[in-house]
Amino acid sequence: MENENKEEHKDESVPKLIEMVDRLEKANAEAKEILARQEEIAARNLLGGKTDAGVQPVKPKEESAQEYAKRVMTGNL
């Protein structure tokens, strides 16, 4: 009786395992495509002079006329 239960369990799990393997293979193929696209984009950015640093140039502080006059009068140009 115990052997029969094991055999039935094996028969039930094989199709599920095959389905899981198919899904994993499909997911791996999609991941490979995405990776290839990301590598292509990174190569284009590198050749185009773009970087991943994301550094923004520092914008100079806007000063009012009063602040400018004060700075000029103190000699801090």
N, C-alpha and C. Protein backbone atom coordinates (compact mmCIF):
# COMPACT_ATOMS: atom_id res chain seq x y z
N MET A 1 0.82 -1.19 0.00
CA MET A 1 0.00 0.00 0.00
C MET A 1 0.87 1.26 0.00
N GLU A 2 1.93 1.23 0.77
CA GLU A 2 2.82 2.39 0.85
C GLU A 2 3.53 2.62 -0.48
N ASN A 3 3.91 1.54 -1.16
CA ASN A 3 4.56 1.66 -2.47
C ASN A 3 3.61 2.25 -3.50
N GLU A 4 2.34 1.88 -3.43
CA GLU A 4 1.36 2.41 -4.36
C GLU A 4 1.21 3.92 -4.19
N ASN A 5 1.20 4.39 -2.93
CA ASN A 5 1.08 5.83 -2.67
C ASN A 5 2.29 6.58 -3.23
N LYS A 6 3.47 5.99 -3.09
CA LYS A 6 4.68 6.62 -3.61
C LYS A 6 4.64 6.70 -5.12
N GLU A 7 4.18 5.64 -5.77
CA GLU A 7 4.09 5.62 -7.23
C GLU A 7 3.08 6.66 -7.72
N GLU A 8 1.94 6.75 -7.03
CA GLU A 8 0.93 7.74 -7.42
C GLU A 8 1.48 9.16 -7.23
N HIS A 9 2.20 9.36 -6.16
CA HIS A 9 2.77 10.68 -5.88
C HIS A 9 3.80 11.05 -6.95
N LYS A 10 4.60 10.07 -7.37
CA LYS A 10 5.58 10.33 -8.42
C LYS A 10 4.88 10.67 -9.73
N ASP A 11 3.82 9.96 -10.03
CA ASP A 11 3.09 10.21 -11.27
C ASP A 11 2.46 11.61 -11.27
N GLU A 12 2.03 12.08 -10.11
CA GLU A 12 1.42 13.39 -10.02
C GLU A 12 2.46 14.51 -10.09
N SER A 13 3.64 14.28 -9.53
CA SER A 13 4.63 15.34 -9.42
C SER A 13 5.44 15.53 -10.70
N VAL A 14 5.53 14.53 -11.54
CA VAL A 14 6.33 14.65 -12.76
C VAL A 14 5.80 15.73 -13.69
N PRO A 15 4.52 15.78 -13.99
CA PRO A 15 4.04 16.88 -14.85
C PRO A 15 4.25 18.25 -14.23
N LYS A 16 4.10 18.35 -12.91
CA LYS A 16 4.33 19.62 -12.24
C LYS A 16 5.79 20.03 -12.36
N LEU A 17 6.68 19.07 -12.21
CA LEU A 17 8.10 19.37 -12.33
C LEU A 17 8.46 19.80 -13.75
N ILE A 18 7.88 19.13 -14.72
CA ILE A 18 8.13 19.50 -16.12
C ILE A 18 7.63 20.92 -16.39
N GLU A 19 6.47 21.24 -15.86
CA GLU A 19 5.92 22.59 -16.03
C GLU A 19 6.82 23.62 -15.36
N MET A 20 7.32 23.31 -14.17
CA MET A 20 8.21 24.24 -13.47
C MET A 20 9.51 24.43 -14.24
N VAL A 21 10.05 23.37 -14.80
CA VAL A 21 11.28 23.48 -15.58
C VAL A 21 11.05 24.35 -16.81
N ASP A 22 9.93 24.15 -17.47
CA ASP A 22 9.61 24.97 -18.65
C ASP A 22 9.50 26.44 -18.29
N ARG A 23 8.85 26.72 -17.15
CA ARG A 23 8.71 28.12 -16.72
C ARG A 23 10.08 28.72 -16.38
N LEU A 24 10.93 27.95 -15.74
CA LEU A 24 12.27 28.44 -15.40
C LEU A 24 13.09 28.70 -16.66
N GLU A 25 13.01 27.82 -17.62
CA GLU A 25 13.74 28.01 -18.87
C GLU A 25 13.25 29.26 -19.60
N LYS A 26 11.94 29.48 -19.59
CA LYS A 26 11.39 30.67 -20.23
C LYS A 26 11.86 31.93 -19.50
N ALA A 27 11.84 31.89 -18.18
CA ALA A 27 12.28 33.04 -17.39
C ALA A 27 13.77 33.32 -17.63
N ASN A 28 14.57 32.28 -17.72
CA ASN A 28 16.00 32.45 -17.99
C ASN A 28 16.23 33.07 -19.37
N ALA A 29 15.47 32.64 -20.34
CA ALA A 29 15.60 33.21 -21.69
C ALA A 29 15.25 34.70 -21.68
N GLU A 30 14.19 35.05 -20.97
CA GLU A 30 13.80 36.46 -20.87
C GLU A 30 14.88 37.27 -20.16
N ALA A 31 15.46 36.69 -19.09
CA ALA A 31 16.51 37.38 -18.35
C ALA A 31 17.74 37.60 -19.23
N LYS A 32 18.05 36.63 -20.08
CA LYS A 32 19.19 36.79 -21.00
C LYS A 32 18.94 37.92 -21.98
N GLU A 33 17.71 38.03 -22.49
CA GLU A 33 17.36 39.11 -23.42
C GLU A 33 17.48 40.47 -22.74
N ILE A 34 16.98 40.55 -21.53
CA ILE A 34 17.05 41.81 -20.78
C ILE A 34 18.50 42.19 -20.51
N LEU A 35 19.31 41.21 -20.13
CA LEU A 35 20.73 41.48 -19.87
C LEU A 35 21.43 41.96 -21.13
N ALA A 36 21.12 41.35 -22.26
CA ALA A 36 21.74 41.77 -23.52
C ALA A 36 21.36 43.21 -23.85
N ARG A 37 20.10 43.57 -23.61
CA ARG A 37 19.66 44.95 -23.87
C ARG A 37 20.37 45.93 -22.93
N GLN A 38 20.49 45.54 -21.67
CA GLN A 38 21.16 46.42 -20.70
C GLN A 38 22.63 46.60 -21.06
N GLU A 39 23.28 45.54 -21.51
CA GLU A 39 24.68 45.65 -21.92
C GLU A 39 24.82 46.56 -23.13
N GLU A 40 23.88 46.45 -24.06
CA GLU A 40 23.91 47.30 -25.25
C GLU A 40 23.72 48.77 -24.87
N ILE A 41 22.80 49.04 -23.98
CA ILE A 41 22.56 50.41 -23.53
C ILE A 41 23.80 50.95 -22.81
N ALA A 42 24.40 50.14 -21.95
CA ALA A 42 25.60 50.58 -21.23
C ALA A 42 26.73 50.88 -22.20
N ALA A 43 26.88 50.05 -23.24
CA ALA A 43 27.93 50.28 -24.23
C ALA A 43 27.67 51.57 -25.00
N ARG A 44 26.42 51.81 -25.37
CA ARG A 44 26.08 53.05 -26.08
C ARG A 44 26.36 54.27 -25.20
N ASN A 45 26.01 54.18 -23.93
CA ASN A 45 26.25 55.30 -23.02
C ASN A 45 27.74 55.53 -22.84
N LEU A 46 28.51 54.47 -22.76
CA LEU A 46 29.96 54.60 -22.60
C LEU A 46 30.58 55.24 -23.83
N LEU A 47 30.17 54.78 -25.00
CA LEU A 47 30.72 55.34 -26.23
C LEU A 47 30.22 56.75 -26.49
N GLY A 48 29.04 57.05 -25.99
CA GLY A 48 28.46 58.38 -26.19
C GLY A 48 28.93 59.39 -25.17
N GLY A 49 29.71 58.96 -24.21
CA GLY A 49 30.24 59.87 -23.21
C GLY A 49 29.36 60.03 -21.99
N LYS A 50 28.33 59.26 -21.87
CA LYS A 50 27.48 59.33 -20.69
C LYS A 50 28.04 58.40 -19.62
N THR A 51 27.78 58.74 -18.37
CA THR A 51 28.24 57.89 -17.27
C THR A 51 27.07 57.57 -16.35
N ASP A 52 27.30 56.63 -15.48
CA ASP A 52 26.29 56.26 -14.50
C ASP A 52 26.41 57.08 -13.22
N ALA A 53 27.35 57.98 -13.17
CA ALA A 53 27.63 58.71 -11.94
C ALA A 53 26.44 59.54 -11.49
N GLY A 54 25.74 60.14 -12.41
CA GLY A 54 24.57 60.93 -12.05
C GLY A 54 24.92 62.22 -11.32
N VAL A 55 26.12 62.72 -11.54
CA VAL A 55 26.55 63.94 -10.88
C VAL A 55 25.94 65.14 -11.58
N GLN A 56 25.26 65.95 -10.82
CA GLN A 56 24.65 67.17 -11.34
C GLN A 56 25.62 68.31 -11.15
N PRO A 57 25.79 69.19 -12.12
CA PRO A 57 26.67 70.34 -11.91
C PRO A 57 26.09 71.25 -10.84
N VAL A 58 26.97 71.82 -10.06
CA VAL A 58 26.54 72.71 -8.98
C VAL A 58 26.10 74.04 -9.58
N LYS A 59 24.88 74.41 -9.28
CA LYS A 59 24.35 75.67 -9.79
C LYS A 59 24.85 76.80 -8.89
N PRO A 60 25.34 77.87 -9.50
CA PRO A 60 25.80 78.99 -8.67
C PRO A 60 24.63 79.62 -7.93
N LYS A 61 24.90 80.05 -6.72
CA LYS A 61 23.86 80.67 -5.91
C LYS A 61 23.50 82.02 -6.51
N GLU A 62 22.21 82.26 -6.66
CA GLU A 62 21.76 83.55 -7.17
C GLU A 62 21.77 84.53 -6.01
N GLU A 63 22.45 85.65 -6.25
CA GLU A 63 22.49 86.64 -5.19
C GLU A 63 21.74 87.89 -5.61
N SER A 64 21.16 88.52 -4.63
CA SER A 64 20.40 89.74 -4.92
C SER A 64 21.37 90.90 -5.12
N ALA A 65 20.82 92.01 -5.56
CA ALA A 65 21.64 93.20 -5.77
C ALA A 65 22.24 93.68 -4.45
N GLN A 66 21.49 93.56 -3.39
CA GLN A 66 21.99 93.98 -2.07
C GLN A 66 23.16 93.10 -1.63
N GLU A 67 23.04 91.79 -1.84
CA GLU A 67 24.13 90.88 -1.47
C GLU A 67 25.37 91.17 -2.31
N TYR A 68 25.18 91.45 -3.59
CA TYR A 68 26.30 91.77 -4.46
C TYR A 68 26.99 93.06 -4.02
N ALA A 69 26.20 94.07 -3.71
CA ALA A 69 26.76 95.35 -3.27
C ALA A 69 27.54 95.16 -1.97
N LYS A 70 27.00 94.38 -1.08
CA LYS A 70 27.67 94.14 0.20
C LYS A 70 29.00 93.43 -0.03
N ARG A 71 28.99 92.45 -0.93
CA ARG A 71 30.22 91.68 -1.24
C ARG A 71 31.26 92.59 -1.88
N VAL A 72 30.84 93.46 -2.78
CA VAL A 72 31.77 94.39 -3.45
C VAL A 72 32.35 95.37 -2.44
N MET A 73 31.52 95.88 -1.55
CA MET A 73 31.96 96.88 -0.56
C MET A 73 32.95 96.28 0.44
N THR A 74 32.82 94.97 0.71
CA THR A 74 33.75 94.33 1.65
C THR A 74 35.00 93.87 0.94
N GLY A 75 34.99 93.87 -0.39
CA GLY A 75 36.18 93.48 -1.15
C GLY A 75 36.28 91.99 -1.40
N ASN A 76 35.22 91.25 -1.21
CA ASN A 76 35.22 89.79 -1.44
C ASN A 76 34.69 89.47 -2.84
N LEU A 77 35.53 89.71 -3.81
CA LEU A 77 35.09 89.41 -5.18
C LEU A 77 35.49 88.07 -5.55
